[in-house]
């Protein structure tokens, strides 16, 4: 497992009666733009890494994508499956899998995808786990495919460095990916934390 203390924090968040702050029930506008912009991506296979309760996974599946949602917290996946059933989705799209994108053996049999989506997963990983993650992204995103990543800017949490800078994102995913654009902003659940959306293209 990537980080047992980090896992415990997420597990506790999903075990409570109140949804975690990141579980807003809203599909991020940046994800909606993949489908609803003037130049949408052509639907294909997608990995929603750190899918949580499956909001983006279900949205993409409803718009023609074949989606695999991945999370390491079983309680989150159970809620994601419930969300998909409420949307009258078949059991295999989106499908939800418990796995750790920061481990060495992440999804060894996964078919390559044209979209890798991460709304706030990688930025909490350790350096070693980030290395594994970038390797898996290069392995599983088909040439020409898209990696859409949301991450906090560098900061400290519980005495540990967290977050990602634009320079680290570019270096971490090179040479397999090129950074197409970076959109800086502010985390809506934490007004003191800067964040950014990164659009990368598999070369």
N, C-alpha and C. Protein backbone atom coordinates (compact mmCIF):
# COMPACT_ATOMS: atom_id res chain seq x y z
N UNK A 1 0.85 -1.19 0.00
CA UNK A 1 0.00 0.00 0.00
C UNK A 1 0.88 1.24 0.00
N UNK A 2 0.44 2.27 -0.73
CA UNK A 2 1.25 3.47 -0.90
C UNK A 2 1.65 4.10 0.42
N UNK A 3 0.70 4.37 1.30
CA UNK A 3 0.96 5.11 2.53
C UNK A 3 -0.15 4.74 3.50
N UNK A 4 0.18 3.93 4.52
CA UNK A 4 -0.87 3.41 5.41
C UNK A 4 -1.55 4.52 6.19
N UNK A 5 -0.80 5.55 6.63
CA UNK A 5 -1.43 6.63 7.38
C UNK A 5 -2.37 7.43 6.49
N UNK A 6 -1.98 7.65 5.24
CA UNK A 6 -2.83 8.35 4.30
C UNK A 6 -4.09 7.54 4.03
N UNK A 7 -3.93 6.23 3.88
CA UNK A 7 -5.07 5.36 3.66
C UNK A 7 -6.04 5.44 4.84
N UNK A 8 -5.52 5.41 6.05
CA UNK A 8 -6.38 5.48 7.24
C UNK A 8 -7.20 6.77 7.25
N UNK A 9 -6.60 7.84 6.80
CA UNK A 9 -7.32 9.13 6.76
C UNK A 9 -8.50 9.07 5.79
N UNK A 10 -8.27 8.50 4.61
CA UNK A 10 -9.34 8.39 3.64
C UNK A 10 -10.41 7.40 4.09
N UNK A 11 -9.98 6.29 4.68
CA UNK A 11 -10.94 5.30 5.17
C UNK A 11 -11.86 5.92 6.21
N UNK A 12 -11.29 6.66 7.15
CA UNK A 12 -12.10 7.30 8.18
C UNK A 12 -13.08 8.30 7.57
N UNK A 13 -12.64 9.00 6.53
CA UNK A 13 -13.51 9.99 5.90
C UNK A 13 -14.74 9.35 5.28
N UNK A 14 -14.57 8.17 4.68
CA UNK A 14 -15.70 7.51 4.03
C UNK A 14 -16.56 6.72 5.01
N UNK A 15 -16.07 6.49 6.20
CA UNK A 15 -16.86 5.76 7.19
C UNK A 15 -17.81 6.66 7.96
N UNK A 16 -17.64 7.97 7.86
CA UNK A 16 -18.49 8.89 8.59
C UNK A 16 -19.84 9.09 7.92
N UNK A 17 -20.76 9.69 8.64
CA UNK A 17 -22.10 9.97 8.11
C UNK A 17 -22.09 11.15 7.15
N UNK A 18 -21.15 12.07 7.34
CA UNK A 18 -21.05 13.25 6.49
C UNK A 18 -20.07 12.97 5.35
N UNK A 19 -20.44 13.27 4.10
CA UNK A 19 -19.51 13.02 2.99
C UNK A 19 -18.21 13.79 3.17
N UNK A 20 -17.09 13.24 2.72
CA UNK A 20 -15.83 13.99 2.77
C UNK A 20 -15.96 15.29 1.97
N UNK A 21 -15.16 16.31 2.30
CA UNK A 21 -15.30 17.59 1.60
C UNK A 21 -15.08 17.51 0.11
N UNK A 22 -14.26 16.55 -0.33
CA UNK A 22 -14.01 16.44 -1.77
C UNK A 22 -15.14 15.71 -2.50
N UNK A 23 -16.06 15.09 -1.78
CA UNK A 23 -17.17 14.37 -2.39
C UNK A 23 -18.34 15.33 -2.55
N UNK A 24 -18.22 16.24 -3.51
CA UNK A 24 -19.17 17.35 -3.65
C UNK A 24 -20.46 16.95 -4.36
N UNK A 25 -20.44 15.81 -5.07
CA UNK A 25 -21.60 15.44 -5.86
C UNK A 25 -21.70 16.21 -7.16
N UNK A 26 -20.66 16.92 -7.53
CA UNK A 26 -20.64 17.74 -8.75
C UNK A 26 -19.51 17.27 -9.65
N UNK A 27 -19.81 17.06 -10.92
CA UNK A 27 -18.76 16.74 -11.89
C UNK A 27 -17.97 18.02 -12.17
N UNK A 28 -16.65 18.01 -11.99
CA UNK A 28 -15.87 19.23 -12.22
C UNK A 28 -16.08 19.76 -13.64
N UNK A 29 -16.16 21.08 -13.79
CA UNK A 29 -16.31 21.66 -15.13
C UNK A 29 -15.22 21.20 -16.10
N UNK A 30 -14.01 20.98 -15.58
CA UNK A 30 -12.91 20.55 -16.45
C UNK A 30 -13.17 19.14 -16.99
N UNK A 31 -13.85 18.32 -16.23
CA UNK A 31 -14.21 16.99 -16.72
C UNK A 31 -15.37 17.09 -17.70
N UNK A 32 -16.34 17.92 -17.39
CA UNK A 32 -17.46 18.11 -18.31
C UNK A 32 -16.98 18.63 -19.66
N UNK A 33 -15.92 19.44 -19.64
CA UNK A 33 -15.40 19.99 -20.89
C UNK A 33 -14.88 18.90 -21.82
N UNK A 34 -14.47 17.77 -21.26
CA UNK A 34 -14.03 16.65 -22.11
C UNK A 34 -15.16 16.19 -23.03
N UNK A 35 -16.39 16.37 -22.58
CA UNK A 35 -17.57 15.89 -23.29
C UNK A 35 -18.34 17.02 -23.96
N UNK A 36 -18.43 18.18 -23.28
CA UNK A 36 -19.37 19.20 -23.67
C UNK A 36 -18.74 20.42 -24.33
N UNK A 37 -17.43 20.45 -24.49
CA UNK A 37 -16.80 21.61 -25.11
C UNK A 37 -17.03 21.60 -26.62
N UNK A 38 -16.58 22.65 -27.29
CA UNK A 38 -16.70 22.72 -28.75
C UNK A 38 -15.81 21.70 -29.43
N UNK A 39 -14.78 21.24 -28.73
CA UNK A 39 -13.87 20.22 -29.28
C UNK A 39 -13.76 19.06 -28.30
N UNK A 40 -14.82 18.29 -28.12
CA UNK A 40 -14.81 17.21 -27.13
C UNK A 40 -13.89 16.07 -27.56
N UNK A 41 -13.43 15.30 -26.56
CA UNK A 41 -12.69 14.09 -26.87
C UNK A 41 -13.65 13.05 -27.43
N UNK A 42 -13.16 12.26 -28.37
CA UNK A 42 -13.96 11.15 -28.88
C UNK A 42 -14.05 10.08 -27.79
N UNK A 43 -15.24 9.59 -27.46
CA UNK A 43 -15.35 8.58 -26.40
C UNK A 43 -14.51 7.35 -26.70
N UNK A 44 -13.90 6.81 -25.65
CA UNK A 44 -13.08 5.61 -25.75
C UNK A 44 -13.03 4.95 -24.39
N UNK A 45 -11.90 4.36 -24.07
CA UNK A 45 -11.71 3.76 -22.74
C UNK A 45 -11.10 4.81 -21.81
N UNK A 46 -11.56 4.79 -20.56
CA UNK A 46 -11.07 5.76 -19.58
C UNK A 46 -10.78 5.07 -18.26
N UNK A 47 -9.75 5.56 -17.58
CA UNK A 47 -9.45 5.18 -16.20
C UNK A 47 -9.68 6.41 -15.33
N UNK A 48 -10.54 6.26 -14.32
CA UNK A 48 -10.77 7.32 -13.35
C UNK A 48 -10.03 6.90 -12.08
N UNK A 49 -8.83 7.44 -11.89
CA UNK A 49 -7.93 7.00 -10.83
C UNK A 49 -8.19 7.83 -9.57
N UNK A 50 -8.49 7.12 -8.46
CA UNK A 50 -8.94 7.80 -7.27
C UNK A 50 -10.38 8.27 -7.46
N UNK A 51 -11.22 7.37 -7.96
CA UNK A 51 -12.57 7.73 -8.41
C UNK A 51 -13.50 8.11 -7.28
N UNK A 52 -13.17 7.75 -6.02
CA UNK A 52 -14.07 8.05 -4.91
C UNK A 52 -15.42 7.40 -5.10
N UNK A 53 -16.48 8.19 -4.97
CA UNK A 53 -17.83 7.65 -5.09
C UNK A 53 -18.35 7.65 -6.53
N UNK A 54 -17.46 7.86 -7.49
CA UNK A 54 -17.78 7.58 -8.88
C UNK A 54 -18.52 8.64 -9.65
N UNK A 55 -18.51 9.88 -9.18
CA UNK A 55 -19.25 10.93 -9.87
C UNK A 55 -18.78 11.10 -11.32
N UNK A 56 -17.50 11.25 -11.52
CA UNK A 56 -16.97 11.45 -12.87
C UNK A 56 -17.05 10.17 -13.69
N UNK A 57 -16.85 9.02 -13.05
CA UNK A 57 -16.95 7.74 -13.76
C UNK A 57 -18.32 7.56 -14.37
N UNK A 58 -19.35 7.80 -13.58
CA UNK A 58 -20.72 7.63 -14.07
C UNK A 58 -21.02 8.65 -15.17
N UNK A 59 -20.58 9.87 -14.96
CA UNK A 59 -20.80 10.91 -15.98
C UNK A 59 -20.19 10.50 -17.32
N UNK A 60 -18.95 10.06 -17.30
CA UNK A 60 -18.31 9.67 -18.56
C UNK A 60 -19.01 8.47 -19.20
N UNK A 61 -19.39 7.49 -18.38
CA UNK A 61 -20.08 6.32 -18.92
C UNK A 61 -21.41 6.71 -19.56
N UNK A 62 -22.10 7.67 -18.99
CA UNK A 62 -23.36 8.13 -19.56
C UNK A 62 -23.17 8.85 -20.89
N UNK A 63 -21.93 9.24 -21.17
CA UNK A 63 -21.64 9.94 -22.42
C UNK A 63 -20.78 9.11 -23.36
N UNK A 64 -20.91 7.80 -23.25
CA UNK A 64 -20.33 6.94 -24.26
C UNK A 64 -18.97 6.36 -23.98
N UNK A 65 -18.37 6.70 -22.84
CA UNK A 65 -17.07 6.16 -22.50
C UNK A 65 -17.19 4.80 -21.83
N UNK A 66 -16.19 3.95 -22.05
CA UNK A 66 -16.07 2.68 -21.33
C UNK A 66 -15.12 2.94 -20.16
N UNK A 67 -15.64 2.94 -18.94
CA UNK A 67 -14.91 3.51 -17.80
C UNK A 67 -14.59 2.44 -16.76
N UNK A 68 -13.35 2.50 -16.28
CA UNK A 68 -12.94 1.77 -15.08
C UNK A 68 -12.59 2.78 -14.00
N UNK A 69 -13.34 2.75 -12.91
CA UNK A 69 -13.04 3.61 -11.77
C UNK A 69 -12.22 2.85 -10.75
N UNK A 70 -11.16 3.47 -10.26
CA UNK A 70 -10.22 2.82 -9.35
C UNK A 70 -10.09 3.62 -8.07
N UNK A 71 -10.17 2.94 -6.95
CA UNK A 71 -9.91 3.59 -5.67
C UNK A 71 -9.35 2.53 -4.74
N UNK A 72 -8.71 2.98 -3.65
CA UNK A 72 -8.13 2.01 -2.71
C UNK A 72 -8.99 1.86 -1.46
N UNK A 73 -10.12 2.59 -1.39
CA UNK A 73 -11.02 2.51 -0.24
C UNK A 73 -12.30 1.80 -0.66
N UNK A 74 -12.53 0.63 -0.09
CA UNK A 74 -13.67 -0.19 -0.48
C UNK A 74 -14.99 0.53 -0.25
N UNK A 75 -15.10 1.28 0.84
CA UNK A 75 -16.35 1.99 1.13
C UNK A 75 -16.69 3.00 0.05
N UNK A 76 -15.68 3.65 -0.51
CA UNK A 76 -15.91 4.59 -1.60
C UNK A 76 -16.43 3.85 -2.83
N UNK A 77 -15.85 2.70 -3.12
CA UNK A 77 -16.27 1.93 -4.29
C UNK A 77 -17.70 1.42 -4.14
N UNK A 78 -18.08 1.04 -2.94
CA UNK A 78 -19.46 0.60 -2.73
C UNK A 78 -20.44 1.73 -3.02
N UNK A 79 -20.09 2.94 -2.61
CA UNK A 79 -20.94 4.09 -2.91
C UNK A 79 -20.94 4.38 -4.41
N UNK A 80 -19.80 4.19 -5.06
CA UNK A 80 -19.73 4.40 -6.51
C UNK A 80 -20.63 3.42 -7.24
N UNK A 81 -20.62 2.16 -6.84
CA UNK A 81 -21.48 1.18 -7.49
C UNK A 81 -22.95 1.52 -7.28
N UNK A 82 -23.27 2.00 -6.08
CA UNK A 82 -24.65 2.42 -5.81
C UNK A 82 -25.03 3.59 -6.72
N UNK A 83 -24.13 4.53 -6.89
CA UNK A 83 -24.40 5.68 -7.77
C UNK A 83 -24.65 5.20 -9.20
N UNK A 84 -23.85 4.25 -9.66
CA UNK A 84 -24.02 3.74 -11.03
C UNK A 84 -25.36 3.03 -11.18
N UNK A 85 -25.76 2.25 -10.17
CA UNK A 85 -27.07 1.58 -10.24
C UNK A 85 -28.19 2.60 -10.29
N UNK A 86 -28.08 3.66 -9.51
CA UNK A 86 -29.11 4.70 -9.53
C UNK A 86 -29.22 5.36 -10.90
N UNK A 87 -28.10 5.38 -11.64
CA UNK A 87 -28.10 5.95 -12.98
C UNK A 87 -28.47 4.92 -14.05
N UNK A 88 -28.90 3.72 -13.60
CA UNK A 88 -29.31 2.64 -14.51
C UNK A 88 -28.18 2.21 -15.44
N UNK A 89 -26.97 2.22 -14.91
CA UNK A 89 -25.83 1.77 -15.70
C UNK A 89 -25.67 0.26 -15.57
N UNK A 90 -25.19 -0.41 -16.62
CA UNK A 90 -24.89 -1.84 -16.51
C UNK A 90 -23.71 -2.06 -15.57
N UNK A 91 -23.60 -3.27 -15.04
CA UNK A 91 -22.58 -3.55 -14.02
C UNK A 91 -21.16 -3.39 -14.55
N UNK A 92 -20.98 -3.49 -15.87
CA UNK A 92 -19.63 -3.43 -16.42
C UNK A 92 -19.25 -2.06 -16.96
N UNK A 93 -20.11 -1.06 -16.82
CA UNK A 93 -19.74 0.28 -17.31
C UNK A 93 -20.57 1.36 -16.59
N UNK A 94 -19.95 2.06 -15.63
CA UNK A 94 -18.55 1.89 -15.24
C UNK A 94 -18.37 0.68 -14.34
N UNK A 95 -17.20 0.07 -14.45
CA UNK A 95 -16.84 -0.96 -13.48
C UNK A 95 -15.89 -0.32 -12.47
N UNK A 96 -15.94 -0.83 -11.24
CA UNK A 96 -15.15 -0.24 -10.17
C UNK A 96 -14.25 -1.30 -9.56
N UNK A 97 -12.97 -0.95 -9.40
CA UNK A 97 -11.93 -1.89 -9.00
C UNK A 97 -11.14 -1.29 -7.84
N UNK A 98 -10.88 -2.11 -6.83
CA UNK A 98 -10.02 -1.67 -5.73
C UNK A 98 -8.57 -1.91 -6.12
N UNK A 99 -7.79 -0.85 -6.20
CA UNK A 99 -6.39 -0.95 -6.58
C UNK A 99 -5.68 0.33 -6.15
N UNK A 100 -4.36 0.25 -6.09
CA UNK A 100 -3.51 1.35 -5.63
C UNK A 100 -2.61 1.78 -6.77
N UNK A 101 -2.87 2.96 -7.32
CA UNK A 101 -2.10 3.45 -8.46
C UNK A 101 -0.66 3.78 -8.11
N UNK A 102 -0.34 3.81 -6.82
CA UNK A 102 1.03 4.06 -6.41
C UNK A 102 1.82 2.82 -6.10
N UNK A 103 1.25 1.65 -6.36
CA UNK A 103 1.94 0.38 -6.11
C UNK A 103 2.59 -0.12 -7.38
N UNK A 104 3.51 -1.06 -7.22
CA UNK A 104 4.25 -1.57 -8.38
C UNK A 104 3.39 -2.45 -9.28
N UNK A 105 2.32 -3.04 -8.74
CA UNK A 105 1.54 -4.03 -9.50
C UNK A 105 0.15 -3.52 -9.86
N UNK A 106 0.01 -2.26 -10.14
CA UNK A 106 -1.28 -1.66 -10.45
C UNK A 106 -1.86 -2.17 -11.76
N UNK A 107 -3.03 -2.77 -11.72
CA UNK A 107 -3.81 -3.19 -12.88
C UNK A 107 -2.95 -3.82 -13.99
N UNK A 108 -2.34 -4.95 -13.71
CA UNK A 108 -1.43 -5.55 -14.72
C UNK A 108 -2.13 -5.98 -16.00
N UNK A 109 -3.43 -6.24 -15.97
CA UNK A 109 -4.14 -6.73 -17.15
C UNK A 109 -5.04 -5.68 -17.80
N UNK A 110 -4.90 -4.43 -17.39
CA UNK A 110 -5.76 -3.37 -17.92
C UNK A 110 -5.45 -3.09 -19.39
N UNK A 111 -6.50 -2.99 -20.19
CA UNK A 111 -6.37 -2.59 -21.59
C UNK A 111 -6.00 -1.11 -21.66
N UNK A 112 -5.13 -0.70 -22.58
CA UNK A 112 -4.78 0.72 -22.69
C UNK A 112 -6.00 1.61 -22.89
N UNK A 113 -5.89 2.84 -22.41
CA UNK A 113 -7.00 3.78 -22.43
C UNK A 113 -6.61 5.03 -23.20
N UNK A 114 -7.63 5.77 -23.62
CA UNK A 114 -7.37 7.06 -24.27
C UNK A 114 -7.51 8.23 -23.30
N UNK A 115 -8.04 7.95 -22.09
CA UNK A 115 -8.15 9.00 -21.07
C UNK A 115 -7.80 8.43 -19.71
N UNK A 116 -6.88 9.10 -19.03
CA UNK A 116 -6.54 8.83 -17.63
C UNK A 116 -6.95 10.07 -16.86
N UNK A 117 -7.90 9.92 -15.96
CA UNK A 117 -8.43 11.04 -15.19
C UNK A 117 -8.04 10.89 -13.72
N UNK A 118 -7.55 11.96 -13.14
CA UNK A 118 -7.17 11.97 -11.72
C UNK A 118 -7.60 13.29 -11.12
N UNK A 119 -8.69 13.25 -10.35
CA UNK A 119 -9.17 14.46 -9.68
C UNK A 119 -8.73 14.41 -8.21
N UNK A 120 -7.44 14.68 -7.98
CA UNK A 120 -6.95 14.82 -6.63
C UNK A 120 -6.43 13.56 -5.97
N UNK A 121 -5.77 12.70 -6.72
CA UNK A 121 -5.22 11.46 -6.16
C UNK A 121 -3.69 11.55 -6.02
N UNK A 122 -3.00 11.80 -7.11
CA UNK A 122 -1.54 11.75 -7.13
C UNK A 122 -0.91 12.70 -6.13
N UNK A 123 -1.51 13.85 -5.88
CA UNK A 123 -0.84 14.88 -5.08
C UNK A 123 -0.60 14.48 -3.63
N UNK A 124 -1.22 13.40 -3.16
CA UNK A 124 -0.99 12.95 -1.78
C UNK A 124 -0.01 11.79 -1.69
N UNK A 125 0.54 11.34 -2.83
CA UNK A 125 1.43 10.18 -2.85
C UNK A 125 2.85 10.55 -2.43
N UNK A 126 3.56 9.54 -1.94
CA UNK A 126 4.98 9.69 -1.64
C UNK A 126 5.79 9.75 -2.94
N UNK A 127 7.04 10.20 -2.89
CA UNK A 127 7.85 10.22 -4.11
C UNK A 127 7.96 8.86 -4.79
N UNK A 128 8.15 7.79 -4.02
CA UNK A 128 8.25 6.46 -4.61
C UNK A 128 6.94 6.07 -5.29
N UNK A 129 5.82 6.35 -4.64
CA UNK A 129 4.52 6.02 -5.23
C UNK A 129 4.27 6.85 -6.48
N UNK A 130 4.72 8.09 -6.49
CA UNK A 130 4.56 8.93 -7.68
C UNK A 130 5.33 8.36 -8.86
N UNK A 131 6.49 7.78 -8.57
CA UNK A 131 7.27 7.16 -9.64
C UNK A 131 6.52 5.98 -10.24
N UNK A 132 5.95 5.14 -9.37
CA UNK A 132 5.14 4.01 -9.87
C UNK A 132 3.96 4.51 -10.69
N UNK A 133 3.30 5.53 -10.18
CA UNK A 133 2.12 6.08 -10.83
C UNK A 133 2.46 6.54 -12.25
N UNK A 134 3.53 7.31 -12.39
CA UNK A 134 3.91 7.82 -13.70
C UNK A 134 4.26 6.68 -14.65
N UNK A 135 4.91 5.64 -14.13
CA UNK A 135 5.21 4.47 -14.95
C UNK A 135 3.93 3.82 -15.47
N UNK A 136 2.94 3.67 -14.59
CA UNK A 136 1.68 3.04 -15.00
C UNK A 136 0.93 3.91 -16.01
N UNK A 137 0.96 5.21 -15.82
CA UNK A 137 0.30 6.10 -16.78
C UNK A 137 0.93 5.95 -18.16
N UNK A 138 2.26 5.91 -18.21
CA UNK A 138 2.94 5.72 -19.50
C UNK A 138 2.62 4.36 -20.11
N UNK A 139 2.44 3.36 -19.26
CA UNK A 139 2.13 2.01 -19.73
C UNK A 139 0.70 1.89 -20.26
N UNK A 140 -0.22 2.61 -19.64
CA UNK A 140 -1.64 2.36 -19.90
C UNK A 140 -2.33 3.41 -20.77
N UNK A 141 -1.75 4.58 -20.94
CA UNK A 141 -2.36 5.57 -21.82
C UNK A 141 -1.81 5.37 -23.24
N UNK A 142 -2.70 5.17 -24.17
CA UNK A 142 -2.30 4.92 -25.55
C UNK A 142 -1.71 6.19 -26.16
N UNK A 143 -0.83 6.03 -27.16
CA UNK A 143 -0.27 7.21 -27.84
C UNK A 143 -1.38 8.14 -28.33
N UNK A 144 -1.18 9.42 -28.08
CA UNK A 144 -2.19 10.40 -28.43
C UNK A 144 -3.25 10.59 -27.36
N UNK A 145 -3.23 9.76 -26.32
CA UNK A 145 -4.22 9.84 -25.28
C UNK A 145 -3.99 11.01 -24.33
N UNK A 146 -4.97 11.23 -23.47
CA UNK A 146 -5.00 12.39 -22.57
C UNK A 146 -4.87 11.95 -21.12
N UNK A 147 -4.07 12.69 -20.36
CA UNK A 147 -4.02 12.57 -18.90
C UNK A 147 -4.48 13.90 -18.34
N UNK A 148 -5.64 13.90 -17.67
CA UNK A 148 -6.17 15.10 -17.05
C UNK A 148 -6.01 14.96 -15.55
N UNK A 149 -5.24 15.86 -14.95
CA UNK A 149 -4.82 15.74 -13.56
C UNK A 149 -5.16 17.00 -12.79
N UNK A 150 -5.85 16.83 -11.65
CA UNK A 150 -6.07 17.93 -10.72
C UNK A 150 -5.21 17.69 -9.49
N UNK A 151 -4.48 18.73 -9.06
CA UNK A 151 -3.58 18.56 -7.92
C UNK A 151 -3.45 19.86 -7.14
N UNK A 152 -3.30 19.73 -5.83
CA UNK A 152 -2.95 20.86 -4.99
C UNK A 152 -1.53 21.32 -5.31
N UNK A 153 -1.27 22.59 -5.10
CA UNK A 153 0.10 23.09 -5.17
C UNK A 153 0.88 22.58 -3.96
N UNK A 154 2.21 22.63 -4.00
CA UNK A 154 3.01 22.14 -2.87
C UNK A 154 2.63 22.80 -1.55
N UNK A 155 2.47 21.97 -0.52
CA UNK A 155 2.16 22.45 0.82
C UNK A 155 2.54 21.34 1.80
N UNK A 156 2.31 21.58 3.06
CA UNK A 156 2.64 20.58 4.07
C UNK A 156 1.37 20.13 4.78
N UNK A 157 1.24 18.82 5.00
CA UNK A 157 0.12 18.26 5.75
C UNK A 157 0.67 17.27 6.76
N UNK A 158 0.32 17.46 8.02
CA UNK A 158 0.77 16.56 9.08
C UNK A 158 2.28 16.39 9.07
N UNK A 159 2.98 17.48 8.78
CA UNK A 159 4.43 17.45 8.79
C UNK A 159 5.07 16.83 7.57
N UNK A 160 4.25 16.47 6.56
CA UNK A 160 4.76 15.83 5.35
C UNK A 160 4.49 16.71 4.13
N UNK A 161 5.45 16.77 3.19
CA UNK A 161 5.21 17.56 1.98
C UNK A 161 4.15 16.91 1.11
N UNK A 162 3.23 17.69 0.61
CA UNK A 162 2.17 17.23 -0.28
C UNK A 162 2.07 18.18 -1.46
N UNK A 163 1.31 17.78 -2.44
CA UNK A 163 1.05 18.66 -3.57
C UNK A 163 2.08 18.50 -4.68
N UNK A 164 1.79 19.16 -5.81
CA UNK A 164 2.63 19.07 -7.01
C UNK A 164 2.84 20.46 -7.60
N UNK A 165 4.03 20.69 -8.08
CA UNK A 165 4.33 21.92 -8.81
C UNK A 165 4.29 21.63 -10.31
N UNK A 166 4.10 22.66 -11.14
CA UNK A 166 4.16 22.44 -12.58
C UNK A 166 5.47 21.81 -13.04
N UNK A 167 6.58 22.22 -12.44
CA UNK A 167 7.87 21.65 -12.83
C UNK A 167 7.93 20.15 -12.51
N UNK A 168 7.40 19.76 -11.34
CA UNK A 168 7.42 18.34 -11.02
C UNK A 168 6.53 17.54 -11.96
N UNK A 169 5.35 18.07 -12.27
CA UNK A 169 4.45 17.36 -13.18
C UNK A 169 5.14 17.14 -14.52
N UNK A 170 5.74 18.18 -15.07
CA UNK A 170 6.41 18.05 -16.36
C UNK A 170 7.54 17.03 -16.30
N UNK A 171 8.35 17.09 -15.23
CA UNK A 171 9.49 16.18 -15.11
C UNK A 171 9.03 14.76 -14.79
N UNK A 172 8.02 14.62 -13.94
CA UNK A 172 7.57 13.30 -13.50
C UNK A 172 7.05 12.47 -14.67
N UNK A 173 6.36 13.11 -15.61
CA UNK A 173 5.72 12.36 -16.70
C UNK A 173 6.52 12.35 -17.99
N UNK A 174 7.62 13.14 -18.05
CA UNK A 174 8.47 13.11 -19.23
C UNK A 174 9.28 11.81 -19.26
N UNK A 175 9.64 11.32 -20.44
CA UNK A 175 9.32 11.86 -21.76
C UNK A 175 8.05 11.28 -22.38
N UNK A 176 7.30 10.48 -21.62
CA UNK A 176 6.13 9.82 -22.18
C UNK A 176 4.99 10.79 -22.46
N UNK A 177 4.92 11.88 -21.68
CA UNK A 177 3.84 12.84 -21.82
C UNK A 177 4.39 14.24 -22.04
N UNK A 178 3.65 15.03 -22.78
CA UNK A 178 3.93 16.45 -22.92
C UNK A 178 2.80 17.24 -22.26
N UNK A 179 3.16 18.28 -21.52
CA UNK A 179 2.16 19.13 -20.89
C UNK A 179 1.56 20.05 -21.95
N UNK A 180 0.25 19.96 -22.14
CA UNK A 180 -0.44 20.78 -23.13
C UNK A 180 -0.87 22.11 -22.51
N UNK A 181 -1.40 22.06 -21.29
CA UNK A 181 -1.84 23.29 -20.64
C UNK A 181 -1.91 23.10 -19.14
N UNK A 182 -1.81 24.22 -18.42
CA UNK A 182 -1.93 24.25 -16.97
C UNK A 182 -2.89 25.38 -16.62
N UNK A 183 -3.92 25.06 -15.83
CA UNK A 183 -4.89 26.06 -15.40
C UNK A 183 -4.81 26.19 -13.88
N UNK A 184 -4.25 27.30 -13.42
CA UNK A 184 -4.09 27.51 -11.99
C UNK A 184 -5.38 28.02 -11.36
N UNK A 185 -5.59 27.64 -10.10
CA UNK A 185 -6.80 28.07 -9.41
C UNK A 185 -6.67 27.90 -7.92
N UNK A 186 -7.81 27.73 -7.26
CA UNK A 186 -7.88 27.61 -5.80
C UNK A 186 -8.78 26.44 -5.46
N UNK A 187 -8.38 25.62 -4.50
CA UNK A 187 -9.19 24.50 -4.06
C UNK A 187 -10.47 25.03 -3.40
N UNK A 188 -11.63 24.58 -3.89
CA UNK A 188 -12.89 25.15 -3.40
C UNK A 188 -13.19 24.73 -1.96
N UNK A 189 -12.66 23.59 -1.52
CA UNK A 189 -12.92 23.14 -0.15
C UNK A 189 -11.91 23.68 0.85
N UNK A 190 -10.88 24.40 0.36
CA UNK A 190 -9.83 24.91 1.23
C UNK A 190 -9.31 26.21 0.63
N UNK A 191 -9.83 27.35 1.08
CA UNK A 191 -9.51 28.63 0.42
C UNK A 191 -8.06 29.05 0.53
N UNK A 192 -7.24 28.38 1.35
CA UNK A 192 -5.84 28.77 1.46
C UNK A 192 -4.93 27.89 0.60
N UNK A 193 -5.49 26.90 -0.06
CA UNK A 193 -4.68 25.97 -0.85
C UNK A 193 -4.84 26.24 -2.34
N UNK A 194 -3.73 26.57 -2.98
CA UNK A 194 -3.73 26.75 -4.43
C UNK A 194 -3.76 25.38 -5.10
N UNK A 195 -4.21 25.36 -6.34
CA UNK A 195 -4.33 24.10 -7.07
C UNK A 195 -4.17 24.37 -8.56
N UNK A 196 -4.18 23.30 -9.34
CA UNK A 196 -4.08 23.46 -10.79
C UNK A 196 -4.64 22.22 -11.47
N UNK A 197 -5.15 22.44 -12.67
CA UNK A 197 -5.52 21.36 -13.59
C UNK A 197 -4.44 21.26 -14.66
N UNK A 198 -3.98 20.04 -14.88
CA UNK A 198 -2.93 19.78 -15.88
C UNK A 198 -3.51 18.88 -16.98
N UNK A 199 -3.32 19.32 -18.20
CA UNK A 199 -3.73 18.54 -19.37
C UNK A 199 -2.44 18.06 -20.04
N UNK A 200 -2.24 16.74 -20.07
CA UNK A 200 -1.05 16.16 -20.68
C UNK A 200 -1.46 15.25 -21.84
N UNK A 201 -0.59 15.16 -22.83
CA UNK A 201 -0.84 14.32 -23.99
C UNK A 201 0.25 13.26 -24.10
N UNK A 202 -0.17 12.01 -24.27
CA UNK A 202 0.78 10.89 -24.45
C UNK A 202 1.41 11.01 -25.81
N UNK A 203 2.74 11.05 -25.85
CA UNK A 203 3.46 11.24 -27.12
C UNK A 203 3.73 9.89 -27.78
